[in-house]
mmCIF file of all heavy atoms, coordinates in Angstrom:
data_MODEL
# 
_entry.id   MODEL 
# 
loop_
_atom_site.group_PDB 
_atom_site.id 
_atom_site.type_symbol 
_atom_site.label_atom_id 
_atom_site.label_alt_id 
_atom_site.label_comp_id 
_atom_site.label_asym_id 
_atom_site.label_entity_id 
_atom_site.label_seq_id 
_atom_site.pdbx_PDB_ins_code 
_atom_site.Cartn_x 
_atom_site.Cartn_y 
_atom_site.Cartn_z 
_atom_site.occupancy 
_atom_site.B_iso_or_equiv 
_atom_site.pdbx_formal_charge 
_atom_site.auth_seq_id 
_atom_site.auth_comp_id 
_atom_site.auth_asym_id 
_atom_site.auth_atom_id 
_atom_site.pdbx_PDB_model_num 
ATOM 1   N N   . LYS A 1 1  ? 0.832  -1.188 0.007  1.00 0.00 ? 1  LYS A N   1 
ATOM 2   C CA  . LYS A 1 1  ? 0.023  0.013  0.014  1.00 0.00 ? 1  LYS A CA  1 
ATOM 3   C C   . LYS A 1 1  ? 0.852  1.237  -0.009 1.00 0.00 ? 1  LYS A C   1 
ATOM 4   O O   . LYS A 1 1  ? 2.043  1.206  0.402  1.00 0.00 ? 1  LYS A O   1 
ATOM 5   C CB  . LYS A 1 1  ? -0.903 0.017  1.227  1.00 0.00 ? 1  LYS A CB  1 
ATOM 6   C CG  . LYS A 1 1  ? -1.925 -1.084 1.227  1.00 0.00 ? 1  LYS A CG  1 
ATOM 7   C CD  . LYS A 1 1  ? -2.848 -0.989 2.423  1.00 0.00 ? 1  LYS A CD  1 
ATOM 8   C CE  . LYS A 1 1  ? -3.866 -2.121 2.367  1.00 0.00 ? 1  LYS A CE  1 
ATOM 9   N NZ  . LYS A 1 1  ? -4.759 -2.068 3.516  1.00 0.00 ? 1  LYS A NZ  1 
ATOM 10  N N   . TYR A 1 2  ? 0.314  2.343  -0.468 1.00 0.00 ? 2  TYR A N   1 
ATOM 11  C CA  . TYR A 1 2  ? 1.040  3.583  -0.468 1.00 0.00 ? 2  TYR A CA  1 
ATOM 12  C C   . TYR A 1 2  ? 0.124  4.761  -0.144 1.00 0.00 ? 2  TYR A C   1 
ATOM 13  O O   . TYR A 1 2  ? -1.091 4.640  -0.281 1.00 0.00 ? 2  TYR A O   1 
ATOM 14  C CB  . TYR A 1 2  ? 1.770  3.832  -1.773 1.00 0.00 ? 2  TYR A CB  1 
ATOM 15  C CG  . TYR A 1 2  ? 0.912  4.204  -2.945 1.00 0.00 ? 2  TYR A CG  1 
ATOM 16  C CD1 . TYR A 1 2  ? 0.719  5.572  -3.290 1.00 0.00 ? 2  TYR A CD1 1 
ATOM 17  C CD2 . TYR A 1 2  ? 0.241  3.234  -3.708 1.00 0.00 ? 2  TYR A CD2 1 
ATOM 18  C CE1 . TYR A 1 2  ? -0.116 5.908  -4.347 1.00 0.00 ? 2  TYR A CE1 1 
ATOM 19  C CE2 . TYR A 1 2  ? -0.565 3.579  -4.783 1.00 0.00 ? 2  TYR A CE2 1 
ATOM 20  C CZ  . TYR A 1 2  ? -0.765 4.922  -5.092 1.00 0.00 ? 2  TYR A CZ  1 
ATOM 21  O OH  . TYR A 1 2  ? -1.550 5.257  -6.120 1.00 0.00 ? 2  TYR A OH  1 
ATOM 22  N N   . PHE A 1 3  ? 0.725  5.868  0.224  1.00 0.00 ? 3  PHE A N   1 
ATOM 23  C CA  . PHE A 1 3  ? 0.020  7.109  0.456  1.00 0.00 ? 3  PHE A CA  1 
ATOM 24  C C   . PHE A 1 3  ? 0.733  8.189  -0.300 1.00 0.00 ? 3  PHE A C   1 
ATOM 25  O O   . PHE A 1 3  ? 1.973  8.230  -0.332 1.00 0.00 ? 3  PHE A O   1 
ATOM 26  C CB  . PHE A 1 3  ? 0.036  7.441  1.979  1.00 0.00 ? 3  PHE A CB  1 
ATOM 27  C CG  . PHE A 1 3  ? -0.551 8.747  2.325  1.00 0.00 ? 3  PHE A CG  1 
ATOM 28  C CD1 . PHE A 1 3  ? -1.940 8.948  2.285  1.00 0.00 ? 3  PHE A CD1 1 
ATOM 29  C CD2 . PHE A 1 3  ? 0.272  9.832  2.669  1.00 0.00 ? 3  PHE A CD2 1 
ATOM 30  C CE1 . PHE A 1 3  ? -2.453 10.175 2.600  1.00 0.00 ? 3  PHE A CE1 1 
ATOM 31  C CE2 . PHE A 1 3  ? -0.285 11.037 3.001  1.00 0.00 ? 3  PHE A CE2 1 
ATOM 32  C CZ  . PHE A 1 3  ? -1.643 11.230 2.984  1.00 0.00 ? 3  PHE A CZ  1 
ATOM 33  N N   . GLN A 1 4  ? -0.026 9.056  -0.989 1.00 0.00 ? 4  GLN A N   1 
ATOM 34  C CA  . GLN A 1 4  ? 0.553  10.081 -1.807 1.00 0.00 ? 4  GLN A CA  1 
ATOM 35  C C   . GLN A 1 4  ? 0.146  11.435 -1.293 1.00 0.00 ? 4  GLN A C   1 
ATOM 36  O O   . GLN A 1 4  ? -1.022 11.661 -0.960 1.00 0.00 ? 4  GLN A O   1 
ATOM 37  C CB  . GLN A 1 4  ? 0.100  9.926  -3.258 1.00 0.00 ? 4  GLN A CB  1 
ATOM 38  C CG  . GLN A 1 4  ? 0.570  11.024 -4.188 1.00 0.00 ? 4  GLN A CG  1 
ATOM 39  C CD  . GLN A 1 4  ? 0.017  10.863 -5.591 1.00 0.00 ? 4  GLN A CD  1 
ATOM 40  O OE1 . GLN A 1 4  ? -0.292 9.749  -6.038 1.00 0.00 ? 4  GLN A OE1 1 
ATOM 41  N NE2 . GLN A 1 4  ? -0.133 11.946 -6.292 1.00 0.00 ? 4  GLN A NE2 1 
ATOM 42  N N   . THR A 1 5  ? 1.094  12.366 -1.229 1.00 0.00 ? 5  THR A N   1 
ATOM 43  C CA  . THR A 1 5  ? 0.776  13.765 -0.872 1.00 0.00 ? 5  THR A CA  1 
ATOM 44  C C   . THR A 1 5  ? 1.260  14.672 -2.010 1.00 0.00 ? 5  THR A C   1 
ATOM 45  O O   . THR A 1 5  ? 2.244  14.370 -2.675 1.00 0.00 ? 5  THR A O   1 
ATOM 46  C CB  . THR A 1 5  ? 1.416  14.231 0.421  1.00 0.00 ? 5  THR A CB  1 
ATOM 47  O OG1 . THR A 1 5  ? 2.850  14.171 0.300  1.00 0.00 ? 5  THR A OG1 1 
ATOM 48  C CG2 . THR A 1 5  ? 0.991  13.357 1.587  1.00 0.00 ? 5  THR A CG2 1 
ATOM 49  N N   . ASN A 1 6  ? 0.557  15.753 -2.184 1.00 0.00 ? 6  ASN A N   1 
ATOM 50  C CA  . ASN A 1 6  ? 0.934  16.762 -3.173 1.00 0.00 ? 6  ASN A CA  1 
ATOM 51  C C   . ASN A 1 6  ? 0.979  18.138 -2.467 1.00 0.00 ? 6  ASN A C   1 
ATOM 52  O O   . ASN A 1 6  ? 0.119  18.973 -2.725 1.00 0.00 ? 6  ASN A O   1 
ATOM 53  C CB  . ASN A 1 6  ? -0.067 16.812 -4.329 1.00 0.00 ? 6  ASN A CB  1 
ATOM 54  C CG  . ASN A 1 6  ? -0.050 15.488 -5.090 1.00 0.00 ? 6  ASN A CG  1 
ATOM 55  O OD1 . ASN A 1 6  ? -0.651 14.508 -4.656 1.00 0.00 ? 6  ASN A OD1 1 
ATOM 56  N ND2 . ASN A 1 6  ? 0.628  15.483 -6.210 1.00 0.00 ? 6  ASN A ND2 1 
ATOM 57  N N   . ILE A 1 7  ? 1.938  18.328 -1.618 1.00 0.00 ? 7  ILE A N   1 
ATOM 58  C CA  . ILE A 1 7  ? 2.014  19.541 -0.849 1.00 0.00 ? 7  ILE A CA  1 
ATOM 59  C C   . ILE A 1 7  ? 3.160  20.373 -1.387 1.00 0.00 ? 7  ILE A C   1 
ATOM 60  O O   . ILE A 1 7  ? 4.317  19.950 -1.414 1.00 0.00 ? 7  ILE A O   1 
ATOM 61  C CB  . ILE A 1 7  ? 2.232  19.255 0.627  1.00 0.00 ? 7  ILE A CB  1 
ATOM 62  C CG1 . ILE A 1 7  ? 1.101  18.404 1.179  1.00 0.00 ? 7  ILE A CG1 1 
ATOM 63  C CG2 . ILE A 1 7  ? 2.361  20.554 1.408  1.00 0.00 ? 7  ILE A CG2 1 
ATOM 64  C CD1 . ILE A 1 7  ? 1.302  17.939 2.591  1.00 0.00 ? 7  ILE A CD1 1 
ATOM 65  N N   . LYS A 1 8  ? 2.863  21.586 -1.842 1.00 0.00 ? 8  LYS A N   1 
ATOM 66  C CA  . LYS A 1 8  ? 3.887  22.500 -2.351 1.00 0.00 ? 8  LYS A CA  1 
ATOM 67  C C   . LYS A 1 8  ? 4.526  23.215 -1.180 1.00 0.00 ? 8  LYS A C   1 
ATOM 68  O O   . LYS A 1 8  ? 3.853  23.531 -0.205 1.00 0.00 ? 8  LYS A O   1 
ATOM 69  C CB  . LYS A 1 8  ? 3.271  23.498 -3.330 1.00 0.00 ? 8  LYS A CB  1 
ATOM 70  C CG  . LYS A 1 8  ? 2.719  22.840 -4.543 1.00 0.00 ? 8  LYS A CG  1 
ATOM 71  C CD  . LYS A 1 8  ? 2.059  23.855 -5.476 1.00 0.00 ? 8  LYS A CD  1 
ATOM 72  C CE  . LYS A 1 8  ? 1.459  23.149 -6.665 1.00 0.00 ? 8  LYS A CE  1 
ATOM 73  N NZ  . LYS A 1 8  ? 0.667  24.032 -7.511 1.00 0.00 ? 8  LYS A NZ  1 
ATOM 74  N N   . PRO A 1 9  ? 5.829  23.507 -1.250 1.00 0.00 ? 9  PRO A N   1 
ATOM 75  C CA  . PRO A 1 9  ? 6.516  24.186 -0.163 1.00 0.00 ? 9  PRO A CA  1 
ATOM 76  C C   . PRO A 1 9  ? 5.833  25.485 0.254  1.00 0.00 ? 9  PRO A C   1 
ATOM 77  O O   . PRO A 1 9  ? 5.710  25.777 1.456  1.00 0.00 ? 9  PRO A O   1 
ATOM 78  C CB  . PRO A 1 9  ? 7.903  24.458 -0.740 1.00 0.00 ? 9  PRO A CB  1 
ATOM 79  C CG  . PRO A 1 9  ? 8.109  23.365 -1.724 1.00 0.00 ? 9  PRO A CG  1 
ATOM 80  C CD  . PRO A 1 9  ? 6.742  23.144 -2.316 1.00 0.00 ? 9  PRO A CD  1 
ATOM 81  N N   . GLU A 1 10 ? 5.320  26.284 -0.697 1.00 0.00 ? 10 GLU A N   1 
ATOM 82  C CA  . GLU A 1 10 ? 4.681  27.542 -0.365 1.00 0.00 ? 10 GLU A CA  1 
ATOM 83  C C   . GLU A 1 10 ? 3.377  27.304 0.387  1.00 0.00 ? 10 GLU A C   1 
ATOM 84  O O   . GLU A 1 10 ? 2.976  28.130 1.220  1.00 0.00 ? 10 GLU A O   1 
ATOM 85  C CB  . GLU A 1 10 ? 4.462  28.429 -1.604 1.00 0.00 ? 10 GLU A CB  1 
ATOM 86  C CG  . GLU A 1 10 ? 3.695  27.787 -2.727 1.00 0.00 ? 10 GLU A CG  1 
ATOM 87  C CD  . GLU A 1 10 ? 4.548  27.038 -3.752 1.00 0.00 ? 10 GLU A CD  1 
ATOM 88  O OE1 . GLU A 1 10 ? 5.706  26.720 -3.471 1.00 0.00 ? 10 GLU A OE1 1 
ATOM 89  O OE2 . GLU A 1 10 ? 3.998  26.697 -4.800 1.00 0.00 ? 10 GLU A OE2 1 
ATOM 90  N N   . GLU A 1 11 ? 2.707  26.159 0.144  1.00 0.00 ? 11 GLU A N   1 
ATOM 91  C CA  . GLU A 1 11 ? 1.488  25.830 0.899  1.00 0.00 ? 11 GLU A CA  1 
ATOM 92  C C   . GLU A 1 11 ? 1.848  25.528 2.344  1.00 0.00 ? 11 GLU A C   1 
ATOM 93  O O   . GLU A 1 11 ? 1.108  25.876 3.268  1.00 0.00 ? 11 GLU A O   1 
ATOM 94  C CB  . GLU A 1 11 ? 0.748  24.684 0.246  1.00 0.00 ? 11 GLU A CB  1 
ATOM 95  C CG  . GLU A 1 11 ? 0.085  25.017 -1.077 1.00 0.00 ? 11 GLU A CG  1 
ATOM 96  C CD  . GLU A 1 11 ? -0.516 23.835 -1.786 1.00 0.00 ? 11 GLU A CD  1 
ATOM 97  O OE1 . GLU A 1 11 ? -0.294 22.690 -1.360 1.00 0.00 ? 11 GLU A OE1 1 
ATOM 98  O OE2 . GLU A 1 11 ? -1.187 24.057 -2.804 1.00 0.00 ? 11 GLU A OE2 1 
ATOM 99  N N   . LEU A 1 12 ? 2.935  24.801 2.530  1.00 0.00 ? 12 LEU A N   1 
ATOM 100 C CA  . LEU A 1 12 ? 3.365  24.477 3.894  1.00 0.00 ? 12 LEU A CA  1 
ATOM 101 C C   . LEU A 1 12 ? 3.607  25.752 4.695  1.00 0.00 ? 12 LEU A C   1 
ATOM 102 O O   . LEU A 1 12 ? 3.218  25.817 5.857  1.00 0.00 ? 12 LEU A O   1 
ATOM 103 C CB  . LEU A 1 12 ? 4.656  23.644 3.854  1.00 0.00 ? 12 LEU A CB  1 
ATOM 104 C CG  . LEU A 1 12 ? 4.519  22.174 3.572  1.00 0.00 ? 12 LEU A CG  1 
ATOM 105 C CD1 . LEU A 1 12 ? 5.902  21.531 3.493  1.00 0.00 ? 12 LEU A CD1 1 
ATOM 106 C CD2 . LEU A 1 12 ? 3.679  21.509 4.618  1.00 0.00 ? 12 LEU A CD2 1 
ATOM 107 N N   . GLU A 1 13 ? 4.266  26.689 4.080  1.00 0.00 ? 13 GLU A N   1 
ATOM 108 C CA  . GLU A 1 13 ? 4.549  27.954 4.759  1.00 0.00 ? 13 GLU A CA  1 
ATOM 109 C C   . GLU A 1 13 ? 3.258  28.654 5.197  1.00 0.00 ? 13 GLU A C   1 
ATOM 110 O O   . GLU A 1 13 ? 3.173  29.197 6.285  1.00 0.00 ? 13 GLU A O   1 
ATOM 111 C CB  . GLU A 1 13 ? 5.399  28.871 3.907  1.00 0.00 ? 13 GLU A CB  1 
ATOM 112 C CG  . GLU A 1 13 ? 6.821  28.361 3.700  1.00 0.00 ? 13 GLU A CG  1 
ATOM 113 C CD  . GLU A 1 13 ? 7.608  29.167 2.677  1.00 0.00 ? 13 GLU A CD  1 
ATOM 114 O OE1 . GLU A 1 13 ? 7.199  30.283 2.332  1.00 0.00 ? 13 GLU A OE1 1 
ATOM 115 O OE2 . GLU A 1 13 ? 8.637  28.652 2.220  1.00 0.00 ? 13 GLU A OE2 1 
ATOM 116 N N   . LYS A 1 14 ? 2.218  28.640 4.326  1.00 0.00 ? 14 LYS A N   1 
ATOM 117 C CA  . LYS A 1 14 ? 0.958  29.268 4.644  1.00 0.00 ? 14 LYS A CA  1 
ATOM 118 C C   . LYS A 1 14 ? 0.254  28.512 5.801  1.00 0.00 ? 14 LYS A C   1 
ATOM 119 O O   . LYS A 1 14 ? -0.307 29.099 6.704  1.00 0.00 ? 14 LYS A O   1 
ATOM 120 C CB  . LYS A 1 14 ? 0.009  29.304 3.436  1.00 0.00 ? 14 LYS A CB  1 
ATOM 121 C CG  . LYS A 1 14 ? 0.328  30.409 2.482  1.00 0.00 ? 14 LYS A CG  1 
ATOM 122 C CD  . LYS A 1 14 ? -0.813 30.613 1.478  1.00 0.00 ? 14 LYS A CD  1 
ATOM 123 C CE  . LYS A 1 14 ? -0.875 29.402 0.540  1.00 0.00 ? 14 LYS A CE  1 
ATOM 124 N NZ  . LYS A 1 14 ? -1.812 29.563 -0.561 1.00 0.00 ? 14 LYS A NZ  1 
ATOM 125 N N   . TRP A 1 15 ? 0.277  27.175 5.741  1.00 0.00 ? 15 TRP A N   1 
ATOM 126 C CA  . TRP A 1 15 ? -0.417 26.353 6.738  1.00 0.00 ? 15 TRP A CA  1 
ATOM 127 C C   . TRP A 1 15 ? 0.202  26.426 8.091  1.00 0.00 ? 15 TRP A C   1 
ATOM 128 O O   . TRP A 1 15 ? -0.442 26.494 9.125  1.00 0.00 ? 15 TRP A O   1 
ATOM 129 C CB  . TRP A 1 15 ? -0.505 24.890 6.304  1.00 0.00 ? 15 TRP A CB  1 
ATOM 130 C CG  . TRP A 1 15 ? -1.332 24.645 5.097  1.00 0.00 ? 15 TRP A CG  1 
ATOM 131 C CD1 . TRP A 1 15 ? -2.215 25.469 4.483  1.00 0.00 ? 15 TRP A CD1 1 
ATOM 132 C CD2 . TRP A 1 15 ? -1.354 23.428 4.346  1.00 0.00 ? 15 TRP A CD2 1 
ATOM 133 N NE1 . TRP A 1 15 ? -2.773 24.869 3.377  1.00 0.00 ? 15 TRP A NE1 1 
ATOM 134 C CE2 . TRP A 1 15 ? -2.254 23.603 3.291  1.00 0.00 ? 15 TRP A CE2 1 
ATOM 135 C CE3 . TRP A 1 15 ? -0.693 22.216 4.466  1.00 0.00 ? 15 TRP A CE3 1 
ATOM 136 C CZ2 . TRP A 1 15 ? -2.547 22.616 2.367  1.00 0.00 ? 15 TRP A CZ2 1 
ATOM 137 C CZ3 . TRP A 1 15 ? -0.965 21.227 3.537  1.00 0.00 ? 15 TRP A CZ3 1 
ATOM 138 C CH2 . TRP A 1 15 ? -1.875 21.418 2.497  1.00 0.00 ? 15 TRP A CH2 1 
ATOM 139 N N   . PHE A 1 16 ? 1.547  26.318 8.106  1.00 0.00 ? 16 PHE A N   1 
ATOM 140 C CA  . PHE A 1 16 ? 2.227  26.131 9.386  1.00 0.00 ? 16 PHE A CA  1 
ATOM 141 C C   . PHE A 1 16 ? 3.021  27.364 9.891  1.00 0.00 ? 16 PHE A C   1 
ATOM 142 O O   . PHE A 1 16 ? 3.367  27.415 11.042 1.00 0.00 ? 16 PHE A O   1 
ATOM 143 C CB  . PHE A 1 16 ? 3.159  24.915 9.331  1.00 0.00 ? 16 PHE A CB  1 
ATOM 144 C CG  . PHE A 1 16 ? 2.373  23.650 9.118  1.00 0.00 ? 16 PHE A CG  1 
ATOM 145 C CD1 . PHE A 1 16 ? 2.290  23.088 7.881  1.00 0.00 ? 16 PHE A CD1 1 
ATOM 146 C CD2 . PHE A 1 16 ? 1.693  23.088 10.198 1.00 0.00 ? 16 PHE A CD2 1 
ATOM 147 C CE1 . PHE A 1 16 ? 1.513  21.963 7.692  1.00 0.00 ? 16 PHE A CE1 1 
ATOM 148 C CE2 . PHE A 1 16 ? 0.946  21.951 9.993  1.00 0.00 ? 16 PHE A CE2 1 
ATOM 149 C CZ  . PHE A 1 16 ? 0.863  21.379 8.747  1.00 0.00 ? 16 PHE A CZ  1 
ATOM 150 N N   . GLY A 1 17 ? 3.264  28.292 9.013  1.00 0.00 ? 17 GLY A N   1 
ATOM 151 C CA  . GLY A 1 17 ? 3.925  29.545 9.406  1.00 0.00 ? 17 GLY A CA  1 
ATOM 152 C C   . GLY A 1 17 ? 5.038  29.357 10.400 1.00 0.00 ? 17 GLY A C   1 
ATOM 153 O O   . GLY A 1 17 ? 6.078  28.811 10.093 1.00 0.00 ? 17 GLY A O   1 
ATOM 154 N N   . ASP A 1 18 ? 4.818  29.831 11.621 1.00 0.00 ? 18 ASP A N   1 
ATOM 155 C CA  . ASP A 1 18 ? 5.838  29.760 12.676 1.00 0.00 ? 18 ASP A CA  1 
ATOM 156 C C   . ASP A 1 18 ? 5.819  28.447 13.462 1.00 0.00 ? 18 ASP A C   1 
ATOM 157 O O   . ASP A 1 18 ? 6.480  28.354 14.503 1.00 0.00 ? 18 ASP A O   1 
ATOM 158 C CB  . ASP A 1 18 ? 5.643  30.942 13.636 1.00 0.00 ? 18 ASP A CB  1 
ATOM 159 C CG  . ASP A 1 18 ? 5.861  32.285 12.965 1.00 0.00 ? 18 ASP A CG  1 
ATOM 160 O OD1 . ASP A 1 18 ? 6.637  32.305 12.005 1.00 0.00 ? 18 ASP A OD1 1 
ATOM 161 O OD2 . ASP A 1 18 ? 5.242  33.263 13.406 1.00 0.00 ? 18 ASP A OD2 1 
ATOM 162 N N   . ASP A 1 19 ? 5.106  27.450 13.001 1.00 0.00 ? 19 ASP A N   1 
ATOM 163 C CA  . ASP A 1 19 ? 5.005  26.164 13.745 1.00 0.00 ? 19 ASP A CA  1 
ATOM 164 C C   . ASP A 1 19 ? 6.277  25.363 13.646 1.00 0.00 ? 19 ASP A C   1 
ATOM 165 O O   . ASP A 1 19 ? 6.465  24.409 14.394 1.00 0.00 ? 19 ASP A O   1 
ATOM 166 C CB  . ASP A 1 19 ? 3.812  25.335 13.262 1.00 0.00 ? 19 ASP A CB  1 
ATOM 167 C CG  . ASP A 1 19 ? 2.497  25.984 13.696 1.00 0.00 ? 19 ASP A CG  1 
ATOM 168 O OD1 . ASP A 1 19 ? 2.513  26.878 14.553 1.00 0.00 ? 19 ASP A OD1 1 
ATOM 169 O OD2 . ASP A 1 19 ? 1.445  25.552 13.169 1.00 0.00 ? 19 ASP A OD2 1 
ATOM 170 N N   . ILE A 1 20 ? 7.167  25.679 12.655 1.00 0.00 ? 20 ILE A N   1 
ATOM 171 C CA  . ILE A 1 20 ? 8.439  25.035 12.553 1.00 0.00 ? 20 ILE A CA  1 
ATOM 172 C C   . ILE A 1 20 ? 9.465  26.155 12.599 1.00 0.00 ? 20 ILE A C   1 
ATOM 173 O O   . ILE A 1 20 ? 9.520  26.982 11.705 1.00 0.00 ? 20 ILE A O   1 
ATOM 174 C CB  . ILE A 1 20 ? 8.614  24.209 11.279 1.00 0.00 ? 20 ILE A CB  1 
ATOM 175 C CG1 . ILE A 1 20 ? 7.544  23.134 11.198 1.00 0.00 ? 20 ILE A CG1 1 
ATOM 176 C CG2 . ILE A 1 20 ? 10.007 23.621 11.198 1.00 0.00 ? 20 ILE A CG2 1 
ATOM 177 C CD1 . ILE A 1 20 ? 7.492  22.389 9.888  1.00 0.00 ? 20 ILE A CD1 1 
ATOM 178 N N   . THR A 1 21 ? 10.250 26.191 13.699 1.00 0.00 ? 21 THR A N   1 
ATOM 179 C CA  . THR A 1 21 ? 11.297 27.237 13.760 1.00 0.00 ? 21 THR A CA  1 
ATOM 180 C C   . THR A 1 21 ? 12.645 26.620 13.951 1.00 0.00 ? 21 THR A C   1 
ATOM 181 O O   . THR A 1 21 ? 12.791 25.598 14.636 1.00 0.00 ? 21 THR A O   1 
ATOM 182 C CB  . THR A 1 21 ? 11.016 28.188 14.971 1.00 0.00 ? 21 THR A CB  1 
ATOM 183 O OG1 . THR A 1 21 ? 10.909 27.415 16.182 1.00 0.00 ? 21 THR A OG1 1 
ATOM 184 C CG2 . THR A 1 21 ? 9.716  28.991 14.800 1.00 0.00 ? 21 THR A CG2 1 
ATOM 185 N N   . VAL A 1 22 ? 13.644 27.192 13.320 1.00 0.00 ? 22 VAL A N   1 
ATOM 186 C CA  . VAL A 1 22 ? 14.997 26.695 13.401 1.00 0.00 ? 22 VAL A CA  1 
ATOM 187 C C   . VAL A 1 22 ? 15.904 27.875 13.805 1.00 0.00 ? 22 VAL A C   1 
ATOM 188 O O   . VAL A 1 22 ? 15.908 28.885 13.147 1.00 0.00 ? 22 VAL A O   1 
ATOM 189 C CB  . VAL A 1 22 ? 15.498 26.121 12.060 1.00 0.00 ? 22 VAL A CB  1 
ATOM 190 C CG1 . VAL A 1 22 ? 16.945 25.651 12.141 1.00 0.00 ? 22 VAL A CG1 1 
ATOM 191 C CG2 . VAL A 1 22 ? 14.584 24.971 11.593 1.00 0.00 ? 22 VAL A CG2 1 
ATOM 192 N N   . ASP A 1 23 ? 16.568 27.687 14.909 1.00 0.00 ? 23 ASP A N   1 
ATOM 193 C CA  . ASP A 1 23 ? 17.556 28.670 15.362 1.00 0.00 ? 23 ASP A CA  1 
ATOM 194 C C   . ASP A 1 23 ? 18.896 28.064 15.181 1.00 0.00 ? 23 ASP A C   1 
ATOM 195 O O   . ASP A 1 23 ? 19.258 27.061 15.797 1.00 0.00 ? 23 ASP A O   1 
ATOM 196 C CB  . ASP A 1 23 ? 17.289 28.998 16.857 1.00 0.00 ? 23 ASP A CB  1 
ATOM 197 C CG  . ASP A 1 23 ? 18.270 30.015 17.400 1.00 0.00 ? 23 ASP A CG  1 
ATOM 198 O OD1 . ASP A 1 23 ? 18.797 30.835 16.622 1.00 0.00 ? 23 ASP A OD1 1 
ATOM 199 O OD2 . ASP A 1 23 ? 18.536 29.973 18.620 1.00 0.00 ? 23 ASP A OD2 1 
ATOM 200 N N   . GLU A 1 24 ? 19.692 28.656 14.287 1.00 0.00 ? 24 GLU A N   1 
ATOM 201 C CA  . GLU A 1 24 ? 20.983 28.086 13.917 1.00 0.00 ? 24 GLU A CA  1 
ATOM 202 C C   . GLU A 1 24 ? 22.073 29.045 14.334 1.00 0.00 ? 24 GLU A C   1 
ATOM 203 O O   . GLU A 1 24 ? 22.041 30.238 13.982 1.00 0.00 ? 24 GLU A O   1 
ATOM 204 C CB  . GLU A 1 24 ? 20.995 27.865 12.395 1.00 0.00 ? 24 GLU A CB  1 
ATOM 205 C CG  . GLU A 1 24 ? 22.193 27.151 11.906 1.00 0.00 ? 24 GLU A CG  1 
ATOM 206 C CD  . GLU A 1 24 ? 22.098 26.864 10.441 1.00 0.00 ? 24 GLU A CD  1 
ATOM 207 O OE1 . GLU A 1 24 ? 21.208 26.090 10.026 1.00 0.00 ? 24 GLU A OE1 1 
ATOM 208 O OE2 . GLU A 1 24 ? 22.897 27.454 9.685  1.00 0.00 ? 24 GLU A OE2 1 
ATOM 209 N N   . LYS A 1 25 ? 23.052 28.563 15.075 1.00 0.00 ? 25 LYS A N   1 
ATOM 210 C CA  . LYS A 1 25 ? 24.176 29.359 15.484 1.00 0.00 ? 25 LYS A CA  1 
ATOM 211 C C   . LYS A 1 25 ? 25.427 28.760 14.845 1.00 0.00 ? 25 LYS A C   1 
ATOM 212 O O   . LYS A 1 25 ? 25.810 27.628 15.147 1.00 0.00 ? 25 LYS A O   1 
ATOM 213 C CB  . LYS A 1 25 ? 24.300 29.380 16.992 1.00 0.00 ? 25 LYS A CB  1 
ATOM 214 C CG  . LYS A 1 25 ? 23.157 30.070 17.693 1.00 0.00 ? 25 LYS A CG  1 
ATOM 215 C CD  . LYS A 1 25 ? 23.297 29.990 19.190 1.00 0.00 ? 25 LYS A CD  1 
ATOM 216 C CE  . LYS A 1 25 ? 22.210 30.743 19.913 1.00 0.00 ? 25 LYS A CE  1 
ATOM 217 N NZ  . LYS A 1 25 ? 20.913 30.245 19.735 1.00 0.00 ? 25 LYS A NZ  1 
ATOM 218 N N   . ASN A 1 26 ? 25.999 29.457 13.907 1.00 0.00 ? 26 ASN A N   1 
ATOM 219 C CA  . ASN A 1 26 ? 27.210 28.957 13.248 1.00 0.00 ? 26 ASN A CA  1 
ATOM 220 C C   . ASN A 1 26 ? 28.416 29.086 14.174 1.00 0.00 ? 26 ASN A C   1 
ATOM 221 O O   . ASN A 1 26 ? 28.521 30.022 14.928 1.00 0.00 ? 26 ASN A O   1 
ATOM 222 C CB  . ASN A 1 26 ? 27.489 29.751 11.968 1.00 0.00 ? 26 ASN A CB  1 
ATOM 223 C CG  . ASN A 1 26 ? 26.469 29.450 10.886 1.00 0.00 ? 26 ASN A CG  1 
ATOM 224 O OD1 . ASN A 1 26 ? 25.993 28.322 10.788 1.00 0.00 ? 26 ASN A OD1 1 
ATOM 225 N ND2 . ASN A 1 26 ? 26.137 30.438 10.082 1.00 0.00 ? 26 ASN A ND2 1 
# 
């Protein structure tokens, strides 16, 4: 069995906004 998604990166940004945050210190 398989599951298929068709989520565009720009849609993810609209849906989740600040729900994924990355703080990177070089």
